[in-house]
Amino acid sequence: MVVYPVAKAKEVLRFYREFSKAAPDELTIYAGILNPPGGETVIALICCYCGPLDKGEAIIRPVKSFGSPLQDVLGPLPYAAQQSLTDAGFPAGSYYYTKGGFLADLTDQTIEVFAEYATTKPSPLSGVLVQTVCGAASRVDSKATAFPHRRLPYAPVIVSQWLDAADSDKNVAWARDFWRALEPFAGGAYVNDLGRDDEDRIRIAYGANYERLAALKKKYDPDNFFRLNPNIKPFV
């Protein structure tokens, strides 16, 4: 990743918006607002290029040359190491609350929301990751699989994390308020990011595919045995 001061969040997110739109299929790039261990809040561009190494260096050069980063640790590493980059930042044992969805674009208005809430989080352990649904994933027909939201390229997930149960209300409120500010620009939902209070969004997560999935549920699990999940009810 390449790391910048959070004060530069707007500039970094505008760069990320334009660069991600032009990225080849082999490059995945996320934007994250987080705190390194014991440090101040930063914004990071997190990349994974899975093509030939020599071509990758040229493709990510705009990222490495953008702005004045606090740290640049973008370079070759094993895939398993890439997959575990954020593990230490989100350990088991913490309290968590998430909100997320999809954006058709990373507009200047939504960037303002990210910049505002990046500096108001009550816990330094909390953060937000702007994921992408681009490249090959965006070219699959929306009815081909259960997941329908393939034309919405940005998928922010807000992760509130804290250590003391007494702090639950303010940390949950931060994530909810953050999402409420993004919601006018958002659409869809990602089932893996749904919480216990998101039952009304389960249909939204599957969109037009929900009825087909409910019919399958009725066929294979009519008694709803598998229900400890964002639950699709058997079709009636």
Protein backbone atom coordinates (compact mmCIF):
# COMPACT_ATOMS: atom_id res chain seq x y z
CA MET A 1 0.00 0.00 0.00
CA VAL A 2 0.90 3.67 -0.27
CA VAL A 3 -0.06 5.75 2.79
CA TYR A 4 -0.98 9.46 2.97
CA PRO A 5 -2.05 11.88 5.75
CA VAL A 6 -5.80 11.82 6.31
CA ALA A 7 -5.78 15.59 5.67
CA LYS A 8 -5.17 14.65 2.02
CA ALA A 9 -8.18 12.29 1.91
CA LYS A 10 -10.09 14.32 -0.68
CA GLU A 11 -7.16 14.55 -3.09
CA VAL A 12 -6.30 10.87 -2.65
CA LEU A 13 -9.88 9.73 -3.21
CA ARG A 14 -10.22 11.86 -6.34
CA PHE A 15 -7.02 10.31 -7.69
CA TYR A 16 -8.28 6.86 -6.72
CA ARG A 17 -11.57 7.47 -8.55
CA GLU A 18 -9.88 8.31 -11.85
CA PHE A 19 -7.10 5.73 -11.58
CA SER A 20 -9.42 2.85 -10.66
CA LYS A 21 -11.64 3.52 -13.67
CA ALA A 22 -8.70 3.07 -16.03
CA ALA A 23 -7.07 0.12 -14.26
CA PRO A 24 -6.61 -3.14 -16.21
CA ASP A 25 -8.29 -6.37 -15.09
CA GLU A 26 -5.07 -7.57 -13.44
CA LEU A 27 -5.02 -4.65 -10.99
CA THR A 28 -7.33 -4.37 -7.99
CA ILE A 29 -7.06 -1.16 -5.99
CA TYR A 30 -8.87 -0.27 -2.76
CA ALA A 31 -8.84 2.91 -0.72
CA GLY A 32 -8.74 2.56 3.06
CA ILE A 33 -9.04 5.01 5.95
CA LEU A 34 -7.48 3.47 9.05
CA ASN A 35 -5.01 3.88 11.88
CA PRO A 36 -1.70 2.02 11.87
CA PRO A 37 -0.84 0.54 15.31
CA GLY A 38 -0.31 3.45 17.69
CA GLY A 39 -0.51 6.00 14.89
CA GLU A 40 -2.72 8.76 13.58
CA THR A 41 -5.50 8.20 11.05
CA VAL A 42 -4.24 7.83 7.47
CA ILE A 43 -5.64 7.11 4.04
CA ALA A 44 -4.05 4.33 2.03
CA LEU A 45 -4.22 3.04 -1.52
CA ILE A 46 -3.99 -0.74 -1.37
CA CYS A 47 -3.10 -2.54 -4.59
CA CYS A 48 -2.92 -6.10 -5.84
CA TYR A 49 -1.56 -6.65 -9.35
CA CYS A 50 -1.65 -10.29 -10.47
CA GLY A 51 -0.05 -10.03 -13.90
CA PRO A 52 3.59 -10.14 -15.08
CA LEU A 53 5.88 -8.38 -12.61
CA ASP A 54 7.63 -6.16 -15.16
CA LYS A 55 4.31 -4.86 -16.53
CA GLY A 56 2.98 -4.33 -13.02
CA GLU A 57 5.74 -1.91 -12.14
CA ALA A 58 4.73 0.33 -15.04
CA ILE A 59 1.01 0.07 -14.29
CA ILE A 60 1.32 1.08 -10.61
CA ARG A 61 3.84 3.87 -11.30
CA PRO A 62 1.10 6.56 -11.17
CA VAL A 63 0.21 5.41 -7.65
CA LYS A 64 3.81 5.48 -6.48
CA SER A 65 4.35 8.94 -7.97
CA PHE A 66 1.15 10.56 -6.70
CA GLY A 67 1.41 13.21 -3.99
CA SER A 68 3.73 13.09 -1.00
CA PRO A 69 3.08 9.79 0.82
CA LEU A 70 3.97 9.13 4.41
CA GLN A 71 5.01 5.61 3.47
CA ASP A 72 5.31 3.55 0.29
CA VAL A 73 5.44 -0.20 0.81
CA LEU A 74 3.98 -1.09 -2.56
CA GLY A 75 6.07 -3.83 -4.14
CA PRO A 76 6.27 -7.56 -4.89
CA LEU A 77 5.13 -9.93 -2.15
CA PRO A 78 3.56 -13.41 -1.94
CA TYR A 79 -0.18 -13.63 -2.50
CA ALA A 80 -0.78 -15.12 0.97
CA ALA A 81 0.98 -12.10 2.51
CA GLN A 82 -1.25 -9.76 0.48
CA GLN A 83 -4.32 -11.63 1.72
CA SER A 84 -3.30 -11.16 5.37
CA LEU A 85 -2.33 -7.47 5.20
CA THR A 86 -5.18 -6.29 7.43
CA ASP A 87 -5.45 -9.31 9.75
CA ALA A 88 -3.59 -7.68 12.63
CA GLY A 89 -5.82 -4.61 12.43
CA PHE A 90 -9.07 -6.59 12.87
CA PRO A 91 -8.37 -9.28 15.48
CA ALA A 92 -10.81 -11.66 17.10
CA GLY A 93 -12.03 -10.46 20.49
CA SER A 94 -12.91 -6.89 19.59
CA TYR A 95 -16.43 -5.54 19.32
CA TYR A 96 -17.48 -4.93 15.70
CA TYR A 97 -20.32 -3.26 13.85
CA THR A 98 -20.42 -2.82 10.07
CA LYS A 99 -22.40 -0.97 7.44
CA GLY A 100 -21.85 -1.10 3.70
CA GLY A 101 -23.29 -0.97 0.22
CA PHE A 102 -22.46 0.13 -3.31
CA LEU A 103 -21.85 3.40 -5.14
CA ALA A 104 -22.34 3.99 -8.85
CA ASP A 105 -19.54 6.56 -8.67
CA LEU A 106 -17.21 8.14 -6.17
CA THR A 107 -18.59 11.63 -6.60
CA ASP A 108 -17.19 14.75 -4.99
CA GLN A 109 -20.18 14.71 -2.63
CA THR A 110 -19.43 11.19 -1.41
CA ILE A 111 -15.75 12.07 -1.05
CA GLU A 112 -16.78 14.90 1.27
CA VAL A 113 -18.65 12.36 3.43
CA PHE A 114 -15.62 10.06 3.65
CA ALA A 115 -13.35 12.95 4.58
CA GLU A 116 -15.75 14.17 7.29
CA TYR A 117 -16.31 10.84 9.02
CA ALA A 118 -12.65 9.83 8.80
CA THR A 119 -11.88 12.48 11.40
CA THR A 120 -14.84 11.91 13.74
CA LYS A 121 -14.58 8.19 14.55
CA PRO A 122 -14.70 7.60 18.32
CA SER A 123 -12.29 4.64 18.18
CA PRO A 124 -8.88 4.66 16.46
CA LEU A 125 -9.47 0.97 15.63
CA SER A 126 -12.35 1.79 13.28
CA GLY A 127 -12.01 2.41 9.57
CA VAL A 128 -13.57 2.22 6.14
CA LEU A 129 -12.49 0.28 3.07
CA VAL A 130 -13.65 1.28 -0.41
CA GLN A 131 -13.62 -1.94 -2.42
CA THR A 132 -14.20 -2.28 -6.14
CA VAL A 133 -16.32 -4.46 -8.41
CA CYS A 134 -14.53 -3.82 -11.69
CA GLY A 135 -12.89 -5.76 -14.51
CA ALA A 136 -14.11 -9.28 -15.18
CA ALA A 137 -16.53 -9.24 -12.23
CA SER A 138 -18.38 -6.27 -13.71
CA ARG A 139 -18.91 -8.02 -17.05
CA VAL A 140 -20.87 -11.01 -15.71
CA ASP A 141 -24.61 -10.78 -16.32
CA SER A 142 -26.45 -9.65 -13.19
CA LYS A 143 -28.75 -12.70 -13.37
CA ALA A 144 -25.99 -15.28 -13.90
CA THR A 145 -25.26 -15.75 -10.19
CA ALA A 146 -26.87 -14.83 -6.87
CA PHE A 147 -24.85 -11.59 -6.72
CA PRO A 148 -26.52 -8.93 -8.89
CA HIS A 149 -24.72 -5.63 -8.28
CA ARG A 150 -22.11 -5.85 -11.03
CA ARG A 151 -22.66 -2.40 -12.48
CA LEU A 152 -21.91 -0.58 -9.21
CA PRO A 153 -18.12 -0.32 -9.11
CA TYR A 154 -17.45 0.97 -5.58
CA ALA A 155 -18.32 -1.00 -2.46
CA PRO A 156 -17.53 0.87 0.77
CA VAL A 157 -17.67 -1.09 4.02
CA ILE A 158 -17.59 0.85 7.29
CA VAL A 159 -16.08 -1.17 10.15
CA SER A 160 -16.52 0.16 13.67
CA GLN A 161 -14.23 -1.62 16.14
CA TRP A 162 -13.79 -1.01 19.88
CA LEU A 163 -12.61 -2.83 23.01
CA ASP A 164 -14.90 -1.73 25.86
CA ALA A 165 -18.58 -2.69 25.91
CA ALA A 166 -19.35 0.65 27.57
CA ASP A 167 -18.34 2.37 24.31
CA SER A 168 -20.78 0.40 22.16
CA ASP A 169 -23.43 3.07 21.65
CA LYS A 170 -21.12 5.78 20.32
CA ASN A 171 -19.23 3.40 18.03
CA VAL A 172 -22.39 1.90 16.57
CA ALA A 173 -23.81 5.40 16.13
CA TRP A 174 -20.71 6.52 14.21
CA ALA A 175 -21.06 3.69 11.69
CA ARG A 176 -24.80 4.24 11.32
CA ASP A 177 -24.44 8.00 10.88
CA PHE A 178 -21.62 7.50 8.37
CA TRP A 179 -23.76 5.11 6.33
CA ARG A 180 -26.80 7.38 6.60
CA ALA A 181 -24.72 10.19 5.08
CA LEU A 182 -23.65 7.92 2.19
CA GLU A 183 -27.03 6.30 1.64
CA PRO A 184 -28.50 8.99 -0.65
CA PHE A 185 -25.73 8.17 -3.14
CA ALA A 186 -25.78 4.39 -2.62
CA GLY A 187 -27.57 1.37 -4.02
CA GLY A 188 -27.61 -2.33 -3.35
CA ALA A 189 -26.04 -4.21 -0.47
CA TYR A 190 -23.42 -6.93 -0.08
CA VAL A 191 -24.66 -9.91 1.91
CA ASN A 192 -21.32 -10.46 3.71
CA ASP A 193 -21.52 -6.93 5.14
CA LEU A 194 -25.06 -7.19 6.52
CA GLY A 195 -25.57 -7.11 10.28
CA ARG A 196 -28.33 -8.27 12.59
CA ASP A 197 -30.26 -5.03 12.11
CA ASP A 198 -30.13 -5.24 8.31
CA GLU A 199 -32.92 -7.75 7.72
CA ASP A 200 -34.77 -5.20 5.60
CA ARG A 201 -31.77 -5.09 3.25
CA ILE A 202 -31.53 -8.81 2.47
CA ARG A 203 -33.82 -8.50 -0.54
CA ILE A 204 -31.78 -5.51 -1.69
CA ALA A 205 -28.59 -7.61 -1.51
CA TYR A 206 -29.99 -10.09 -4.04
CA GLY A 207 -32.08 -7.68 -6.09
CA ALA A 208 -34.11 -9.27 -8.88
CA ASN A 209 -32.55 -12.66 -8.07
CA TYR A 210 -34.23 -12.93 -4.67
CA GLU A 211 -37.39 -14.71 -5.86
CA ARG A 212 -35.37 -17.37 -7.71
CA LEU A 213 -33.26 -17.93 -4.59
CA ALA A 214 -36.38 -18.16 -2.42
CA ALA A 215 -37.78 -20.83 -4.76
CA LEU A 216 -34.56 -22.82 -4.42
CA LYS A 217 -34.74 -22.37 -0.67
CA LYS A 218 -38.25 -23.80 -0.63
CA LYS A 219 -37.09 -26.80 -2.69
CA TYR A 220 -33.97 -27.69 -0.71
CA ASP A 221 -34.64 -26.22 2.75
CA PRO A 222 -38.39 -25.78 3.15
CA ASP A 223 -38.15 -25.76 6.97
CA ASN A 224 -35.45 -23.06 6.96
CA PHE A 225 -32.98 -25.20 8.91
CA PHE A 226 -30.10 -23.06 7.61
CA ARG A 227 -31.28 -19.76 9.09
CA LEU A 228 -28.39 -18.34 11.14
CA ASN A 229 -27.46 -15.98 8.32
CA PRO A 230 -28.90 -13.03 6.39
CA ASN A 231 -31.83 -15.29 5.77
CA ILE A 232 -33.73 -15.97 2.57
CA LYS A 233 -37.11 -17.30 3.61
CA PRO A 234 -38.59 -20.28 1.74
CA PHE A 235 -40.73 -18.95 -1.08
CA VAL A 236 -44.46 -19.15 -0.36
